[in-house]
Amino acid sequence: MQIDGVFVFIGYVPNSDGLENILKLNDNKEIIVDSEMKTEIPGVFAAGDSIAKKYRQITTAVADGTIAALSAAEYLRN
């Protein structure tokens, strides 16, 4: 079998064990964030496949990380 490319899929289960009593999670154990990747705890941000969102691709995770980093930098400046 000749293969030109591979798309790796590792599943949809977020690794959020231990956060149940710290951060607000939904029924799927995904972290709840706003559009700036802020959690309900000031100064705590989350991004990527651990957050509640519709699409789970590396491109969306990278974008989430960028938003979280910029939001964290703004939080630290203020």
N, C-alpha and C. Protein backbone atom coordinates (compact mmCIF):
# COMPACT_ATOMS: atom_id res chain seq x y z
N MET A 1 0.83 -1.16 0.00
CA MET A 1 0.00 0.00 0.00
C MET A 1 0.89 1.24 0.00
N GLN A 2 0.70 2.08 -0.98
CA GLN A 2 1.45 3.33 -1.04
C GLN A 2 0.65 4.42 -0.34
N ILE A 3 1.31 5.16 0.55
CA ILE A 3 0.65 6.21 1.32
C ILE A 3 1.42 7.51 1.14
N ASP A 4 0.70 8.57 0.83
CA ASP A 4 1.32 9.88 0.64
C ASP A 4 1.26 10.75 1.91
N GLY A 5 0.40 10.39 2.83
CA GLY A 5 0.28 11.19 4.05
C GLY A 5 -0.55 10.47 5.09
N VAL A 6 -0.44 10.93 6.32
CA VAL A 6 -1.16 10.32 7.44
C VAL A 6 -1.74 11.42 8.31
N PHE A 7 -2.98 11.27 8.70
CA PHE A 7 -3.61 12.19 9.64
C PHE A 7 -3.78 11.43 10.95
N VAL A 8 -3.08 11.87 11.99
CA VAL A 8 -3.11 11.16 13.27
C VAL A 8 -4.29 11.65 14.09
N PHE A 9 -5.08 10.72 14.57
CA PHE A 9 -6.24 11.02 15.40
C PHE A 9 -6.06 10.30 16.73
N ILE A 10 -6.06 11.06 17.83
CA ILE A 10 -5.83 10.43 19.13
C ILE A 10 -7.06 10.46 20.02
N GLY A 11 -8.16 10.98 19.52
CA GLY A 11 -9.40 10.93 20.27
C GLY A 11 -9.88 12.29 20.77
N TYR A 12 -11.02 12.25 21.42
CA TYR A 12 -11.68 13.47 21.88
C TYR A 12 -11.77 13.59 23.39
N VAL A 13 -11.08 12.77 24.14
CA VAL A 13 -11.17 12.81 25.59
C VAL A 13 -10.12 13.78 26.13
N PRO A 14 -10.53 14.91 26.72
CA PRO A 14 -9.54 15.86 27.23
C PRO A 14 -8.84 15.30 28.47
N ASN A 15 -7.60 15.68 28.65
CA ASN A 15 -6.83 15.25 29.81
C ASN A 15 -7.02 16.29 30.91
N SER A 16 -8.19 16.25 31.54
CA SER A 16 -8.52 17.26 32.56
C SER A 16 -8.72 16.64 33.94
N ASP A 17 -8.24 15.43 34.12
CA ASP A 17 -8.36 14.78 35.43
C ASP A 17 -7.69 15.64 36.49
N GLY A 18 -8.34 15.78 37.61
CA GLY A 18 -7.80 16.57 38.70
C GLY A 18 -8.22 18.02 38.68
N LEU A 19 -8.91 18.44 37.62
CA LEU A 19 -9.35 19.83 37.53
C LEU A 19 -10.81 20.03 37.93
N GLU A 20 -11.49 18.94 38.24
CA GLU A 20 -12.93 19.00 38.52
C GLU A 20 -13.28 19.99 39.62
N ASN A 21 -12.47 20.09 40.65
CA ASN A 21 -12.76 20.98 41.77
C ASN A 21 -12.01 22.30 41.69
N ILE A 22 -11.36 22.54 40.54
CA ILE A 22 -10.58 23.76 40.37
C ILE A 22 -11.20 24.66 39.30
N LEU A 23 -11.46 24.08 38.12
CA LEU A 23 -12.01 24.83 37.00
C LEU A 23 -13.40 24.33 36.65
N LYS A 24 -14.17 25.20 36.03
CA LYS A 24 -15.50 24.81 35.56
C LYS A 24 -15.34 23.95 34.31
N LEU A 25 -15.89 22.72 34.37
CA LEU A 25 -15.85 21.79 33.25
C LEU A 25 -17.28 21.49 32.80
N ASN A 26 -17.43 21.11 31.55
CA ASN A 26 -18.74 20.68 31.08
C ASN A 26 -18.90 19.18 31.30
N ASP A 27 -19.98 18.61 30.82
CA ASP A 27 -20.26 17.18 31.02
C ASP A 27 -19.23 16.28 30.36
N ASN A 28 -18.51 16.79 29.37
CA ASN A 28 -17.47 16.01 28.68
C ASN A 28 -16.09 16.21 29.30
N LYS A 29 -16.03 16.89 30.45
CA LYS A 29 -14.79 17.21 31.16
C LYS A 29 -13.89 18.16 30.37
N GLU A 30 -14.51 18.99 29.52
CA GLU A 30 -13.78 20.02 28.79
C GLU A 30 -13.83 21.31 29.60
N ILE A 31 -12.75 22.08 29.57
CA ILE A 31 -12.66 23.33 30.33
C ILE A 31 -13.49 24.41 29.63
N ILE A 32 -14.27 25.13 30.43
CA ILE A 32 -15.10 26.21 29.89
C ILE A 32 -14.26 27.49 29.86
N VAL A 33 -14.16 28.10 28.68
CA VAL A 33 -13.43 29.36 28.50
C VAL A 33 -14.29 30.34 27.70
N ASP A 34 -13.89 31.62 27.74
CA ASP A 34 -14.56 32.61 26.90
C ASP A 34 -13.76 32.76 25.59
N SER A 35 -14.10 33.77 24.81
CA SER A 35 -13.45 33.94 23.50
C SER A 35 -11.98 34.33 23.61
N GLU A 36 -11.55 34.77 24.80
CA GLU A 36 -10.15 35.11 25.02
C GLU A 36 -9.40 33.99 25.74
N MET A 37 -10.00 32.82 25.81
CA MET A 37 -9.44 31.62 26.45
C MET A 37 -9.30 31.77 27.97
N LYS A 38 -10.06 32.70 28.55
CA LYS A 38 -10.04 32.90 29.99
C LYS A 38 -10.97 31.89 30.66
N THR A 39 -10.53 31.33 31.76
CA THR A 39 -11.41 30.51 32.59
C THR A 39 -12.09 31.45 33.59
N GLU A 40 -12.87 30.89 34.50
CA GLU A 40 -13.54 31.73 35.49
C GLU A 40 -12.59 32.21 36.58
N ILE A 41 -11.36 31.68 36.60
CA ILE A 41 -10.35 32.11 37.57
C ILE A 41 -9.45 33.15 36.90
N PRO A 42 -9.41 34.37 37.44
CA PRO A 42 -8.56 35.41 36.84
C PRO A 42 -7.10 34.96 36.74
N GLY A 43 -6.52 35.14 35.55
CA GLY A 43 -5.13 34.76 35.33
C GLY A 43 -4.92 33.33 34.90
N VAL A 44 -5.99 32.56 34.79
CA VAL A 44 -5.89 31.16 34.35
C VAL A 44 -6.54 31.04 32.99
N PHE A 45 -5.78 30.54 32.02
CA PHE A 45 -6.23 30.41 30.64
C PHE A 45 -6.12 28.96 30.21
N ALA A 46 -6.90 28.56 29.22
CA ALA A 46 -6.83 27.20 28.69
C ALA A 46 -6.97 27.27 27.18
N ALA A 47 -6.43 26.27 26.49
CA ALA A 47 -6.47 26.29 25.03
C ALA A 47 -6.37 24.88 24.49
N GLY A 48 -6.70 24.75 23.21
CA GLY A 48 -6.53 23.48 22.52
C GLY A 48 -7.67 22.51 22.77
N ASP A 49 -7.35 21.24 22.70
CA ASP A 49 -8.38 20.21 22.78
C ASP A 49 -8.89 19.97 24.20
N SER A 50 -8.37 20.68 25.17
CA SER A 50 -8.88 20.54 26.54
C SER A 50 -10.07 21.45 26.79
N ILE A 51 -10.35 22.38 25.87
CA ILE A 51 -11.46 23.31 26.08
C ILE A 51 -12.71 22.85 25.32
N ALA A 52 -13.84 23.39 25.74
CA ALA A 52 -15.11 23.08 25.07
C ALA A 52 -15.18 23.85 23.76
N LYS A 53 -15.20 23.13 22.66
CA LYS A 53 -15.32 23.75 21.34
C LYS A 53 -15.80 22.71 20.34
N LYS A 54 -16.23 23.17 19.19
CA LYS A 54 -16.82 22.28 18.18
C LYS A 54 -15.76 21.54 17.37
N TYR A 55 -14.76 22.24 16.89
CA TYR A 55 -13.77 21.63 15.99
C TYR A 55 -12.47 21.36 16.71
N ARG A 56 -11.90 20.21 16.49
CA ARG A 56 -10.65 19.80 17.13
C ARG A 56 -9.64 19.41 16.06
N GLN A 57 -8.85 20.39 15.70
CA GLN A 57 -7.80 20.19 14.71
C GLN A 57 -6.55 20.90 15.22
N ILE A 58 -5.40 20.51 14.71
CA ILE A 58 -4.16 21.16 15.16
C ILE A 58 -4.20 22.66 14.87
N THR A 59 -4.81 23.04 13.75
CA THR A 59 -4.87 24.46 13.41
C THR A 59 -5.71 25.25 14.40
N THR A 60 -6.80 24.68 14.89
CA THR A 60 -7.62 25.39 15.87
C THR A 60 -6.93 25.41 17.23
N ALA A 61 -6.22 24.35 17.56
CA ALA A 61 -5.48 24.31 18.84
C ALA A 61 -4.36 25.35 18.85
N VAL A 62 -3.66 25.50 17.72
CA VAL A 62 -2.60 26.50 17.62
C VAL A 62 -3.19 27.90 17.76
N ALA A 63 -4.31 28.14 17.10
CA ALA A 63 -4.97 29.44 17.20
C ALA A 63 -5.41 29.71 18.64
N ASP A 64 -5.98 28.71 19.30
CA ASP A 64 -6.37 28.86 20.71
C ASP A 64 -5.16 29.22 21.57
N GLY A 65 -4.04 28.56 21.32
CA GLY A 65 -2.83 28.84 22.08
C GLY A 65 -2.34 30.26 21.89
N THR A 66 -2.43 30.76 20.67
CA THR A 66 -2.04 32.13 20.39
C THR A 66 -2.95 33.11 21.14
N ILE A 67 -4.24 32.86 21.10
CA ILE A 67 -5.19 33.72 21.80
C ILE A 67 -4.93 33.68 23.31
N ALA A 68 -4.72 32.49 23.84
CA ALA A 68 -4.45 32.35 25.28
C ALA A 68 -3.17 33.08 25.67
N ALA A 69 -2.13 32.96 24.87
CA ALA A 69 -0.85 33.62 25.18
C ALA A 69 -0.99 35.14 25.15
N LEU A 70 -1.67 35.66 24.13
CA LEU A 70 -1.88 37.11 24.04
C LEU A 70 -2.75 37.61 25.19
N SER A 71 -3.77 36.84 25.54
CA SER A 71 -4.64 37.21 26.66
C SER A 71 -3.87 37.18 27.98
N ALA A 72 -3.01 36.19 28.15
CA ALA A 72 -2.20 36.10 29.37
C ALA A 72 -1.23 37.28 29.45
N ALA A 73 -0.63 37.64 28.33
CA ALA A 73 0.29 38.77 28.31
C ALA A 73 -0.44 40.06 28.67
N GLU A 74 -1.63 40.25 28.13
CA GLU A 74 -2.44 41.43 28.46
C GLU A 74 -2.80 41.43 29.95
N TYR A 75 -3.17 40.27 30.48
CA TYR A 75 -3.50 40.15 31.90
C TYR A 75 -2.29 40.55 32.77
N LEU A 76 -1.12 40.10 32.39
CA LEU A 76 0.09 40.43 33.16
C LEU A 76 0.46 41.91 33.06
N ARG A 77 0.23 42.51 31.89
CA ARG A 77 0.52 43.94 31.73
C ARG A 77 -0.40 44.80 32.59
N ASN A 78 -1.61 44.34 32.79
CA ASN A 78 -2.58 45.12 33.56
C ASN A 78 -2.53 44.74 35.02
